[in-house]
Amino acid sequence: MIVDNAPGLGFRIERIWAFVSVADDNDEGVAAFNATPVWTLPMVAADEERVASLRPIARQLAKLSGKPIKLVRFETRVEEEVFEP
């Protein structure tokens, strides 16, 4: 496992976007796609560039599944827990 600890990047997550799939009964879940045969990636983003890169995948998933995919933004940051080393 790799944890990036690069200094001085000045990046703080203030909002998260999620591409949410909607089932027939209106249940929702975070959409995901297979990046490789091994890796399935949830469609979440912490910056607008990543949102833009996921939009074409969301459109394709909606067409393939016949189900809507919503782009949802969450903006309230609450730190629930901190895991110390």
N, C-alpha and C. Protein backbone atom coordinates (compact mmCIF):
# COMPACT_ATOMS: atom_id res chain seq x y z
N MET A 1 0.85 -1.17 0.00
CA MET A 1 0.00 0.00 0.00
C MET A 1 0.90 1.24 0.00
N ILE A 2 0.51 2.25 -0.76
CA ILE A 2 1.25 3.51 -0.83
C ILE A 2 0.37 4.63 -0.33
N VAL A 3 0.91 5.43 0.57
CA VAL A 3 0.22 6.63 1.04
C VAL A 3 1.07 7.81 0.62
N ASP A 4 0.53 8.68 -0.22
CA ASP A 4 1.28 9.83 -0.72
C ASP A 4 1.34 10.91 0.36
N ASN A 5 2.54 11.32 0.71
CA ASN A 5 2.73 12.34 1.73
C ASN A 5 3.60 13.47 1.17
N ALA A 6 3.33 13.85 -0.08
CA ALA A 6 4.13 14.90 -0.71
C ALA A 6 3.87 16.24 -0.03
N PRO A 7 4.93 16.94 0.39
CA PRO A 7 4.74 18.22 1.08
C PRO A 7 4.39 19.36 0.13
N GLY A 8 3.70 20.36 0.68
CA GLY A 8 3.51 21.62 -0.02
C GLY A 8 2.55 21.64 -1.19
N LEU A 9 1.70 20.66 -1.32
CA LEU A 9 0.76 20.65 -2.44
C LEU A 9 -0.41 21.59 -2.20
N GLY A 10 -0.73 21.87 -0.95
CA GLY A 10 -1.81 22.81 -0.64
C GLY A 10 -3.19 22.33 -1.02
N PHE A 11 -3.37 21.04 -1.13
CA PHE A 11 -4.65 20.49 -1.54
C PHE A 11 -5.42 20.02 -0.31
N ARG A 12 -6.61 20.54 -0.14
CA ARG A 12 -7.49 20.11 0.94
C ARG A 12 -8.84 19.80 0.33
N ILE A 13 -9.40 18.67 0.68
CA ILE A 13 -10.68 18.26 0.12
C ILE A 13 -11.79 19.01 0.83
N GLU A 14 -12.45 19.89 0.11
CA GLU A 14 -13.55 20.70 0.65
C GLU A 14 -14.91 20.22 0.16
N ARG A 15 -14.91 19.48 -0.93
CA ARG A 15 -16.16 18.95 -1.48
C ARG A 15 -15.83 17.66 -2.23
N ILE A 16 -16.82 16.83 -2.35
CA ILE A 16 -16.68 15.56 -3.06
C ILE A 16 -17.85 15.46 -4.04
N TRP A 17 -17.55 15.01 -5.23
CA TRP A 17 -18.59 14.70 -6.21
C TRP A 17 -18.70 13.19 -6.31
N ALA A 18 -19.90 12.70 -6.49
CA ALA A 18 -20.12 11.28 -6.71
C ALA A 18 -21.08 11.11 -7.87
N PHE A 19 -20.76 10.17 -8.74
CA PHE A 19 -21.69 9.78 -9.79
C PHE A 19 -22.52 8.65 -9.20
N VAL A 20 -23.83 8.89 -9.11
CA VAL A 20 -24.73 8.00 -8.38
C VAL A 20 -25.67 7.32 -9.37
N SER A 21 -25.72 5.99 -9.31
CA SER A 21 -26.64 5.24 -10.15
C SER A 21 -27.98 5.11 -9.41
N VAL A 22 -29.05 5.09 -10.18
CA VAL A 22 -30.40 5.05 -9.61
C VAL A 22 -31.10 3.80 -10.11
N ALA A 23 -31.56 2.96 -9.18
CA ALA A 23 -32.27 1.73 -9.53
C ALA A 23 -33.75 2.03 -9.79
N ASP A 24 -34.45 1.03 -10.28
CA ASP A 24 -35.88 1.19 -10.57
C ASP A 24 -36.69 1.59 -9.34
N ASP A 25 -36.28 1.15 -8.15
CA ASP A 25 -37.00 1.49 -6.93
C ASP A 25 -36.48 2.77 -6.28
N ASN A 26 -35.67 3.52 -7.04
CA ASN A 26 -35.06 4.79 -6.61
C ASN A 26 -33.96 4.64 -5.56
N ASP A 27 -33.55 3.41 -5.27
CA ASP A 27 -32.36 3.23 -4.44
C ASP A 27 -31.16 3.77 -5.20
N GLU A 28 -30.19 4.31 -4.47
CA GLU A 28 -29.01 4.89 -5.10
C GLU A 28 -27.75 4.19 -4.61
N GLY A 29 -26.74 4.22 -5.46
CA GLY A 29 -25.43 3.69 -5.10
C GLY A 29 -24.37 4.43 -5.90
N VAL A 30 -23.16 4.43 -5.40
CA VAL A 30 -22.07 5.07 -6.12
C VAL A 30 -21.72 4.20 -7.33
N ALA A 31 -21.74 4.80 -8.51
CA ALA A 31 -21.38 4.08 -9.73
C ALA A 31 -19.90 3.75 -9.70
N ALA A 32 -19.53 2.69 -10.39
CA ALA A 32 -18.13 2.26 -10.46
C ALA A 32 -17.88 1.69 -11.85
N PHE A 33 -16.60 1.61 -12.21
CA PHE A 33 -16.24 1.01 -13.50
C PHE A 33 -14.98 0.20 -13.32
N ASN A 34 -14.79 -0.76 -14.23
CA ASN A 34 -13.60 -1.60 -14.20
C ASN A 34 -12.47 -0.88 -14.94
N ALA A 35 -11.47 -0.44 -14.19
CA ALA A 35 -10.32 0.24 -14.79
C ALA A 35 -9.37 -0.78 -15.40
N THR A 36 -9.26 -1.93 -14.77
CA THR A 36 -8.46 -3.06 -15.26
C THR A 36 -9.24 -4.32 -14.90
N PRO A 37 -8.75 -5.47 -15.31
CA PRO A 37 -9.44 -6.70 -14.88
C PRO A 37 -9.44 -6.88 -13.36
N VAL A 38 -8.54 -6.20 -12.67
CA VAL A 38 -8.41 -6.36 -11.21
C VAL A 38 -9.05 -5.21 -10.45
N TRP A 39 -8.97 -3.98 -10.97
CA TRP A 39 -9.37 -2.79 -10.23
C TRP A 39 -10.74 -2.29 -10.66
N THR A 40 -11.67 -2.20 -9.71
CA THR A 40 -12.95 -1.54 -9.91
C THR A 40 -12.89 -0.23 -9.14
N LEU A 41 -13.12 0.87 -9.83
CA LEU A 41 -12.98 2.19 -9.21
C LEU A 41 -14.32 2.87 -9.01
N PRO A 42 -14.59 3.35 -7.80
CA PRO A 42 -15.82 4.12 -7.58
C PRO A 42 -15.70 5.46 -8.28
N MET A 43 -16.80 5.97 -8.76
CA MET A 43 -16.80 7.22 -9.51
C MET A 43 -17.02 8.39 -8.56
N VAL A 44 -15.95 8.76 -7.87
CA VAL A 44 -15.95 9.90 -6.96
C VAL A 44 -14.79 10.80 -7.33
N ALA A 45 -14.92 12.08 -7.00
CA ALA A 45 -13.90 13.05 -7.36
C ALA A 45 -13.81 14.12 -6.29
N ALA A 46 -12.61 14.67 -6.15
CA ALA A 46 -12.40 15.76 -5.19
C ALA A 46 -11.99 17.05 -5.89
N ASP A 47 -11.98 17.05 -7.22
CA ASP A 47 -11.69 18.27 -7.96
C ASP A 47 -12.42 18.22 -9.31
N GLU A 48 -12.59 19.39 -9.90
CA GLU A 48 -13.39 19.49 -11.12
C GLU A 48 -12.75 18.81 -12.32
N GLU A 49 -11.42 18.71 -12.33
CA GLU A 49 -10.75 18.03 -13.44
C GLU A 49 -11.11 16.54 -13.45
N ARG A 50 -11.15 15.95 -12.27
CA ARG A 50 -11.52 14.53 -12.18
C ARG A 50 -12.99 14.34 -12.54
N VAL A 51 -13.84 15.26 -12.13
CA VAL A 51 -15.26 15.20 -12.53
C VAL A 51 -15.35 15.17 -14.05
N ALA A 52 -14.63 16.09 -14.69
CA ALA A 52 -14.66 16.17 -16.16
C ALA A 52 -14.19 14.86 -16.79
N SER A 53 -13.19 14.23 -16.20
CA SER A 53 -12.67 12.99 -16.78
C SER A 53 -13.64 11.82 -16.60
N LEU A 54 -14.51 11.89 -15.59
CA LEU A 54 -15.47 10.81 -15.34
C LEU A 54 -16.78 10.99 -16.10
N ARG A 55 -17.07 12.20 -16.56
CA ARG A 55 -18.35 12.45 -17.25
C ARG A 55 -18.58 11.52 -18.45
N PRO A 56 -17.60 11.33 -19.33
CA PRO A 56 -17.86 10.42 -20.47
C PRO A 56 -18.15 8.99 -20.02
N ILE A 57 -17.51 8.55 -18.96
CA ILE A 57 -17.77 7.20 -18.44
C ILE A 57 -19.18 7.11 -17.89
N ALA A 58 -19.62 8.15 -17.18
CA ALA A 58 -20.99 8.18 -16.65
C ALA A 58 -22.01 8.12 -17.78
N ARG A 59 -21.77 8.88 -18.84
CA ARG A 59 -22.70 8.85 -19.98
C ARG A 59 -22.77 7.45 -20.59
N GLN A 60 -21.62 6.81 -20.71
CA GLN A 60 -21.56 5.47 -21.28
C GLN A 60 -22.27 4.46 -20.37
N LEU A 61 -22.05 4.56 -19.07
CA LEU A 61 -22.73 3.65 -18.14
C LEU A 61 -24.24 3.82 -18.19
N ALA A 62 -24.71 5.06 -18.29
CA ALA A 62 -26.16 5.31 -18.36
C ALA A 62 -26.74 4.67 -19.62
N LYS A 63 -26.04 4.82 -20.74
CA LYS A 63 -26.53 4.22 -22.00
C LYS A 63 -26.52 2.70 -21.92
N LEU A 64 -25.43 2.13 -21.39
CA LEU A 64 -25.32 0.67 -21.33
C LEU A 64 -26.33 0.05 -20.36
N SER A 65 -26.57 0.71 -19.25
CA SER A 65 -27.46 0.15 -18.22
C SER A 65 -28.92 0.52 -18.44
N GLY A 66 -29.18 1.60 -19.18
CA GLY A 66 -30.54 2.08 -19.34
C GLY A 66 -31.07 2.74 -18.07
N LYS A 67 -30.17 3.06 -17.16
CA LYS A 67 -30.54 3.69 -15.88
C LYS A 67 -29.88 5.06 -15.79
N PRO A 68 -30.51 6.00 -15.09
CA PRO A 68 -29.90 7.31 -14.95
C PRO A 68 -28.68 7.27 -14.02
N ILE A 69 -27.74 8.13 -14.32
CA ILE A 69 -26.58 8.37 -13.45
C ILE A 69 -26.64 9.85 -13.09
N LYS A 70 -26.65 10.14 -11.80
CA LYS A 70 -26.68 11.52 -11.33
C LYS A 70 -25.29 11.95 -10.88
N LEU A 71 -24.95 13.20 -11.13
CA LEU A 71 -23.74 13.79 -10.56
C LEU A 71 -24.17 14.57 -9.33
N VAL A 72 -23.68 14.16 -8.14
CA VAL A 72 -24.10 14.76 -6.88
C VAL A 72 -22.87 15.37 -6.20
N ARG A 73 -23.02 16.59 -5.70
CA ARG A 73 -21.93 17.26 -4.99
C ARG A 73 -22.26 17.33 -3.50
N PHE A 74 -21.29 16.94 -2.68
CA PHE A 74 -21.41 17.01 -1.23
C PHE A 74 -20.42 18.05 -0.74
N GLU A 75 -20.88 19.03 0.06
CA GLU A 75 -20.00 20.14 0.43
C GLU A 75 -19.81 20.35 1.92
N THR A 76 -20.45 19.62 2.77
CA THR A 76 -20.27 19.81 4.19
C THR A 76 -19.20 18.85 4.68
N ARG A 77 -18.11 19.40 5.17
CA ARG A 77 -17.02 18.56 5.65
C ARG A 77 -17.18 18.34 7.15
N VAL A 78 -17.23 17.08 7.53
CA VAL A 78 -17.28 16.69 8.93
C VAL A 78 -16.24 15.59 9.12
N GLU A 79 -15.26 15.86 9.95
CA GLU A 79 -14.25 14.85 10.22
C GLU A 79 -14.78 13.94 11.31
N GLU A 80 -15.17 12.74 10.93
CA GLU A 80 -15.79 11.79 11.84
C GLU A 80 -14.78 11.13 12.76
N GLU A 81 -13.60 10.84 12.24
CA GLU A 81 -12.63 10.07 13.01
C GLU A 81 -11.26 10.29 12.40
N VAL A 82 -10.25 10.25 13.22
CA VAL A 82 -8.86 10.36 12.76
C VAL A 82 -8.12 9.09 13.21
N PHE A 83 -7.45 8.44 12.29
CA PHE A 83 -6.68 7.24 12.59
C PHE A 83 -5.22 7.61 12.72
N GLU A 84 -4.71 7.58 13.91
CA GLU A 84 -3.33 7.97 14.18
C GLU A 84 -2.40 6.79 13.96
N PRO A 85 -1.15 7.07 13.56
CA PRO A 85 -0.19 5.97 13.37
C PRO A 85 0.21 5.34 14.69
